[in-house]
C-alpha atoms as a PDB file:
ATOM      1  CA  MET A   1     -55.515  17.629 120.003  1.00  0.00           C
ATOM      2  CA  ALA A   2     -55.594  20.073 122.753  1.00  0.00           C
ATOM      3  CA  ARG A   3     -58.794  21.548 124.061  1.00  0.00           C
ATOM      4  CA  PRO A   4     -59.048  25.381 122.963  1.00  0.00           C
ATOM      5  CA  LYS A   5     -57.954  27.838 125.526  1.00  0.00           C
ATOM      6  CA  ILE A   6     -60.675  29.145 127.586  1.00  0.00           C
ATOM      7  CA  GLU A   7     -60.659  33.075 127.485  1.00  0.00           C
ATOM      8  CA  ILE A   8     -60.747  34.247 131.175  1.00  0.00           C
ATOM      9  CA  ASN A   9     -60.295  37.891 132.282  1.00  0.00           C
ATOM     10  CA  GLY A  10     -57.257  38.106 134.692  1.00  0.00           C
ATOM     11  CA  GLU A  11     -58.693  41.315 136.310  1.00  0.00           C
ATOM     12  CA  GLU A  12     -61.921  39.367 137.118  1.00  0.00           C
ATOM     13  CA  VAL A  13     -59.693  36.524 138.535  1.00  0.00           C
ATOM     14  CA  GLU A  14     -58.031  39.109 140.770  1.00  0.00           C
ATOM     15  CA  LYS A  15     -61.210  40.754 141.925  1.00  0.00           C
ATOM     16  CA  LEU A  16     -62.668  37.285 142.838  1.00  0.00           C
ATOM     17  CA  ALA A  17     -59.430  36.526 144.941  1.00  0.00           C
ATOM     18  CA  THR A  18     -60.127  39.820 146.781  1.00  0.00           C
ATOM     19  CA  PHE A  19     -63.353  38.408 147.926  1.00  0.00           C
ATOM     20  CA  GLY A  20     -61.526  35.350 149.632  1.00  0.00           C
ATOM     21  CA  MET A  21     -62.435  32.855 147.001  1.00  0.00           C
ATOM     22  CA  THR A  22     -60.451  29.713 146.468  1.00  0.00           C
ATOM     23  CA  ASN A  23     -58.875  28.755 143.085  1.00  0.00           C
ATOM     24  CA  ARG A  24     -61.446  26.067 142.917  1.00  0.00           C
ATOM     25  CA  GLU A  25     -64.274  28.559 143.606  1.00  0.00           C
ATOM     26  CA  ILE A  26     -62.817  30.942 141.149  1.00  0.00           C
ATOM     27  CA  GLY A  27     -62.561  28.129 138.498  1.00  0.00           C
ATOM     28  CA  GLU A  28     -66.281  27.171 139.087  1.00  0.00           C
ATOM     29  CA  PHE A  29     -67.195  30.901 138.665  1.00  0.00           C
ATOM     30  CA  VAL A  30     -65.345  31.413 135.291  1.00  0.00           C
ATOM     31  CA  GLY A  31     -65.902  27.799 133.975  1.00  0.00           C
ATOM     32  CA  ALA A  32     -62.251  26.695 134.279  1.00  0.00           C
ATOM     33  CA  SER A  33     -60.471  23.971 136.414  1.00  0.00           C
ATOM     34  CA  GLU A  34     -58.808  24.662 139.719  1.00  0.00           C
ATOM     35  CA  ALA A  35     -55.515  23.748 138.069  1.00  0.00           C
ATOM     36  CA  THR A  36     -56.031  26.171 135.095  1.00  0.00           C
ATOM     37  CA  ILE A  37     -56.744  28.996 137.596  1.00  0.00           C
ATOM     38  CA  GLY A  38     -53.462  28.009 139.582  1.00  0.00           C
ATOM     39  CA  ARG A  39     -51.228  27.641 136.456  1.00  0.00           C
ATOM     40  CA  ARG A  40     -52.483  30.698 134.369  1.00  0.00           C
ATOM     41  CA  PHE A  41     -53.392  33.349 137.169  1.00  0.00           C
ATOM     42  CA  ALA A  42     -51.118  32.677 139.975  1.00  0.00           C
ATOM     43  CA  SER A  43     -49.969  36.377 139.978  1.00  0.00           C
ATOM     44  CA  GLU A  44     -53.577  37.578 139.874  1.00  0.00           C
ATOM     45  CA  THR A  45     -54.738  35.302 142.834  1.00  0.00           C
ATOM     46  CA  ARG A  46     -51.631  36.275 144.859  1.00  0.00           C
ATOM     47  CA  LYS A  47     -52.246  40.003 144.393  1.00  0.00           C
ATOM     48  CA  GLY A  48     -55.981  39.747 145.000  1.00  0.00           C
ATOM     49  CA  ARG A  49     -55.339  37.677 148.168  1.00  0.00           C
ATOM     50  CA  ALA A  50     -52.798  40.120 149.284  1.00  0.00           C
ATOM     51  CA  SER A  51     -55.206  42.980 148.901  1.00  0.00           C
ATOM     52  CA  LEU A  52     -57.838  41.111 151.003  1.00  0.00           C
ATOM     53  CA  HIS A  53     -55.194  40.765 153.657  1.00  0.00           C
ATOM     54  CA  LYS A  54     -54.355  44.200 153.656  1.00  0.00           C
ATOM     55  CA  SER A  55     -58.043  45.236 153.944  1.00  0.00           C
ATOM     56  CA  LEU A  56     -58.362  42.851 156.859  1.00  0.00           C
ATOM     57  CA  ARG A  57     -55.495  44.136 158.773  1.00  0.00           C
ATOM     58  CA  ARG A  58     -56.805  47.776 158.241  1.00  0.00           C
ATOM     59  CA  LYS A  59     -59.967  46.910 159.654  1.00  0.00           C
ATOM     60  CA  GLN A  60     -58.841  44.954 162.715  1.00  0.00           C
ATOM     61  CA  THR A  61     -56.564  47.750 163.514  1.00  0.00           C
ATOM     62  CA  GLU A  62     -59.345  50.380 163.223  1.00  0.00           C
ATOM     63  CA  VAL A  63     -61.567  48.190 165.485  1.00  0.00           C
ATOM     64  CA  ALA A  64     -58.724  47.686 168.087  1.00  0.00           C
ATOM     65  CA  LEU A  65     -57.842  51.456 168.043  1.00  0.00           C
ATOM     66  CA  SER A  66     -61.721  52.321 168.500  1.00  0.00           C
ATOM     67  CA  GLY A  67     -61.364  50.617 172.048  1.00  0.00           C
ATOM     68  CA  ASN A  68     -62.290  46.933 171.315  1.00  0.00           C
ATOM     69  CA  VAL A  69     -60.218  45.313 173.948  1.00  0.00           C
ATOM     70  CA  THR A  70     -60.386  41.734 172.567  1.00  0.00           C
ATOM     71  CA  MET A  71     -58.935  42.860 169.194  1.00  0.00           C
ATOM     72  CA  LEU A  72     -56.334  44.773 171.009  1.00  0.00           C
ATOM     73  CA  ILE A  73     -55.258  41.635 172.842  1.00  0.00           C
ATOM     74  CA  TRP A  74     -55.392  39.464 169.769  1.00  0.00           C
ATOM     75  CA  LEU A  75     -53.436  41.873 167.614  1.00  0.00           C
ATOM     76  CA  GLY A  76     -51.052  42.324 170.401  1.00  0.00           C
ATOM     77  CA  LYS A  77     -50.345  38.465 170.632  1.00  0.00           C
ATOM     78  CA  ASN A  78     -50.372  37.964 166.813  1.00  0.00           C
ATOM     79  CA  MET A  79     -48.413  41.076 165.520  1.00  0.00           C
ATOM     80  CA  LEU A  80     -46.372  42.009 168.508  1.00  0.00           C
ATOM     81  CA  ASP A  81     -45.486  38.496 169.869  1.00  0.00           C
ATOM     82  CA  GLN A  82     -47.106  39.244 173.280  1.00  0.00           C
ATOM     83  CA  SER A  83     -48.438  36.470 175.337  1.00  0.00           C
ATOM     84  CA  ASP A  84     -50.122  35.443 178.647  1.00  0.00           C
ATOM     85  CA  LYS A  85     -47.247  34.155 180.731  1.00  0.00           C
ATOM     86  CA  GLN A  86     -47.925  31.336 183.041  1.00  0.00           C
ATOM     87  CA  GLU A  87     -44.936  30.394 185.019  1.00  0.00           C
ATOM     88  CA  ILE A  88     -44.639  27.859 187.712  1.00  0.00           C
ATOM     89  CA  ARG A  89     -41.169  27.934 189.655  1.00  0.00           C
ATOM     90  CA  GLY A  90     -39.789  25.581 192.116  1.00  0.00           C
ATOM     91  CA  SER A  91     -36.760  25.953 194.358  1.00  0.00           C
ATOM     92  CA  GLU A  92     -33.456  25.286 192.763  1.00  0.00           C
ATOM     93  CA  GLU A  93     -32.680  22.891 195.538  1.00  0.00           C
ATOM     94  CA  ALA A  94     -35.934  21.029 195.367  1.00  0.00           C
ATOM     95  CA  PRO A  95     -37.298  20.912 191.739  1.00  0.00           C
ATOM     96  CA  LEU A  96     -41.143  21.300 191.455  1.00  0.00           C
ATOM     97  CA  VAL A  97     -42.918  18.030 191.290  1.00  0.00           C
ATOM     98  CA  LEU A  98     -46.461  17.696 189.824  1.00  0.00           C
ATOM     99  CA  LYS A  99     -48.418  14.724 191.045  1.00  0.00           C
ATOM    100  CA  ILE A 100     -51.584  13.570 188.891  1.00  0.00           C
ATOM    101  CA  VAL A 101     -54.252  12.232 191.207  1.00  0.00           C
ATOM    102  CA  ARG A 102     -56.983  10.484 189.298  1.00  0.00           C
ATOM    103  CA  ALA A 103     -60.653  11.011 190.759  1.00  0.00           C
ATOM    104  CA  SER A 104     -61.385   7.327 191.042  1.00  0.00           C
ATOM    105  CA  HIS A 105     -58.162   6.729 193.055  1.00  0.00           C
ATOM    106  CA  ALA A 106     -58.837   9.644 195.348  1.00  0.00           C
ATOM    107  CA  ALA A 107     -62.279   8.356 196.010  1.00  0.00           C
ATOM    108  CA  ASN A 108     -60.974   4.916 197.007  1.00  0.00           C
ATOM    109  CA  SER A 109     -58.217   6.196 199.418  1.00  0.00           C
ATOM    110  CA  ASP A 110     -60.774   7.786 201.489  1.00  0.00           C
ATOM    111  CA  GLN A 111     -62.420   4.541 202.284  1.00  0.00           C
END
């Protein structure tokens, strides 16, 4: 005989997901298993987390546009595919060769 179905409010599940709660945490809060939340409320948790992501992006953009240089750089790298370029070039005729010298080896060669 199957267990009786737990009555859970889908709107409450969605709201909890907007706070960033995992399915496990939501399940603990409403008295259900993580699997039950994932199975019965996938749409609600997806919608709630999408709302959270939208709010976070909006706030990050506000902070960046208010002059926060660190946030401007971070958003540039993550949303605009910008990066700090570090190029090392050698001559086409003589390729660049990197030599790794260990500290103990360098100290012994001085003696």
